[in-house]
C-alpha atoms as a PDB file:
ATOM      1  CA  MET A   1     108.558  85.408 129.120  1.00  0.00           C
ATOM      2  CA  THR A   2     108.335  86.460 125.482  1.00  0.00           C
ATOM      3  CA  MET A   3     105.252  85.646 123.495  1.00  0.00           C
ATOM      4  CA  ARG A   4     105.796  84.788 119.864  1.00  0.00           C
ATOM      5  CA  LEU A   5     103.076  84.829 117.265  1.00  0.00           C
ATOM      6  CA  PRO A   6     103.161  82.340 114.419  1.00  0.00           C
ATOM      7  CA  VAL A   7     104.264  83.831 111.126  1.00  0.00           C
ATOM      8  CA  ARG A   8     102.063  83.131 108.142  1.00  0.00           C
ATOM      9  CA  PRO A   9     104.068  83.346 104.926  1.00  0.00           C
ATOM     10  CA  ARG A  10     101.054  84.374 102.827  1.00  0.00           C
ATOM     11  CA  ALA A  11      99.371  86.742 105.295  1.00  0.00           C
ATOM     12  CA  PRO A  12      97.997  89.888 103.583  1.00  0.00           C
ATOM     13  CA  GLU A  13     100.118  92.963 103.992  1.00  0.00           C
ATOM     14  CA  LEU A  14      98.454  95.413 106.346  1.00  0.00           C
ATOM     15  CA  LYS A  15     100.299  98.377 104.857  1.00  0.00           C
ATOM     16  CA  GLY A  16      99.015  97.611 101.364  1.00  0.00           C
ATOM     17  CA  LYS A  17      95.459  97.210 102.624  1.00  0.00           C
ATOM     18  CA  LEU A  18      95.653 100.505 104.524  1.00  0.00           C
ATOM     19  CA  GLU A  19      96.981 102.313 101.452  1.00  0.00           C
ATOM     20  CA  GLU A  20      94.174 100.885  99.298  1.00  0.00           C
ATOM     21  CA  PHE A  21      91.614 102.011 101.879  1.00  0.00           C
ATOM     22  CA  GLU A  22      93.145 105.488 102.216  1.00  0.00           C
ATOM     23  CA  ARG A  23      93.277 105.975  98.426  1.00  0.00           C
ATOM     24  CA  ALA A  24      89.639 104.909  98.116  1.00  0.00           C
ATOM     25  CA  GLN A  25      88.613 107.352 100.870  1.00  0.00           C
ATOM     26  CA  ILE A  26      90.432 110.204  99.133  1.00  0.00           C
ATOM     27  CA  LEU A  27      88.788 109.410  95.803  1.00  0.00           C
ATOM     28  CA  GLU A  28      85.370 109.227  97.469  1.00  0.00           C
ATOM     29  CA  ALA A  29      85.883 112.584  99.232  1.00  0.00           C
ATOM     30  CA  LEU A  30      86.992 114.199  95.963  1.00  0.00           C
ATOM     31  CA  ALA A  31      83.940 112.776  94.193  1.00  0.00           C
ATOM     32  CA  LYS A  32      81.608 114.094  96.915  1.00  0.00           C
ATOM     33  CA  THR A  33      83.155 117.565  96.654  1.00  0.00           C
ATOM     34  CA  SER A  34      83.349 117.655  92.842  1.00  0.00           C
ATOM     35  CA  GLY A  35      87.139 117.678  93.026  1.00  0.00           C
ATOM     36  CA  ASN A  36      87.377 120.569  95.514  1.00  0.00           C
ATOM     37  CA  GLN A  37      90.535 119.715  97.418  1.00  0.00           C
ATOM     38  CA  THR A  38      89.911 122.101 100.324  1.00  0.00           C
ATOM     39  CA  ARG A  39      86.454 120.684 100.994  1.00  0.00           C
ATOM     40  CA  ALA A  40      87.676 117.103 100.485  1.00  0.00           C
ATOM     41  CA  ALA A  41      90.447 117.642 103.037  1.00  0.00           C
ATOM     42  CA  LYS A  42      87.905 119.009 105.535  1.00  0.00           C
ATOM     43  CA  LEU A  43      85.666 116.023 104.912  1.00  0.00           C
ATOM     44  CA  LEU A  44      88.605 113.705 105.609  1.00  0.00           C
ATOM     45  CA  GLY A  45      89.712 115.669 108.675  1.00  0.00           C
ATOM     46  CA  ILE A  46      93.189 116.423 107.316  1.00  0.00           C
ATOM     47  CA  ALA A  47      95.023 119.529 106.146  1.00  0.00           C
ATOM     48  CA  ARG A  48      94.745 120.443 102.449  1.00  0.00           C
ATOM     49  CA  ARG A  49      98.517 120.160 102.064  1.00  0.00           C
ATOM     50  CA  THR A  50      98.392 116.647 103.551  1.00  0.00           C
ATOM     51  CA  LEU A  51      95.686 115.727 101.052  1.00  0.00           C
ATOM     52  CA  ILE A  52      97.793 117.026  98.183  1.00  0.00           C
ATOM     53  CA  LYS A  53     100.831 115.021  99.355  1.00  0.00           C
ATOM     54  CA  LYS A  54      98.698 111.891  99.552  1.00  0.00           C
ATOM     55  CA  MET A  55      97.240 112.553  96.104  1.00  0.00           C
ATOM     56  CA  VAL A  56     100.752 112.786  94.686  1.00  0.00           C
ATOM     57  CA  ARG A  57     101.768 109.611  96.547  1.00  0.00           C
ATOM     58  CA  TYR A  58      98.779 107.653  95.237  1.00  0.00           C
ATOM     59  CA  GLU A  59      99.062 109.192  91.750  1.00  0.00           C
ATOM     60  CA  ILE A  60      95.635 110.826  91.910  1.00  0.00           C
ATOM     61  CA  GLU A  61      95.373 113.635  89.377  1.00  0.00           C
ATOM     62  CA  ARG A  62      94.779 117.085  90.823  1.00  0.00           C
ATOM     63  CA  PRO A  63      92.050 119.087  89.075  1.00  0.00           C
ATOM     64  CA  ARG A  64      92.878 122.781  88.700  1.00  0.00           C
ATOM     65  CA  ALA A  65      89.740 124.895  89.245  1.00  0.00           C
ATOM     66  CA  GLU A  66      91.048 128.148  87.807  1.00  0.00           C
ATOM     67  CA  THR A  67      91.914 126.641  84.412  1.00  0.00           C
ATOM     68  CA  GLY A  68      89.839 123.486  84.280  1.00  0.00           C
ATOM     69  CA  ARG A  69      92.969 121.481  83.479  1.00  0.00           C
ATOM     70  CA  VAL A  70      94.325 118.513  85.394  1.00  0.00           C
ATOM     71  CA  GLU A  71      97.755 118.727  86.994  1.00  0.00           C
ATOM     72  CA  PRO A  72     100.003 115.692  86.488  1.00  0.00           C
ATOM     73  CA  PRO A  73     100.426 113.540  89.608  1.00  0.00           C
ATOM     74  CA  ASN A  74     104.153 114.291  89.938  1.00  0.00           C
ATOM     75  CA  GLY A  75     103.368 117.966  90.566  1.00  0.00           C
ATOM     76  CA  THR A  76     105.214 119.304  87.540  1.00  0.00           C
ATOM     77  CA  ARG A  77     103.550 122.026  85.562  1.00  0.00           C
ATOM     78  CA  HIS A  78     104.053 122.788  81.886  1.00  0.00           C
END
């Protein structure tokens, strides 16, 4: 016997909600750590490289501590 759930045409997209939540958590962790990506990653319980990939994905600018400049979200440097 197969159980079928009714499909709601206007049901909110779970993926979109999860992405919004994840982006907000990343921004909050960066704010708490004054933009320190290593400490923010630790706070989130993920690897720094994973944090950076997510920042690029969500177009969150990456502060550069050694120069004080902000790296563009696509990872290109000038």
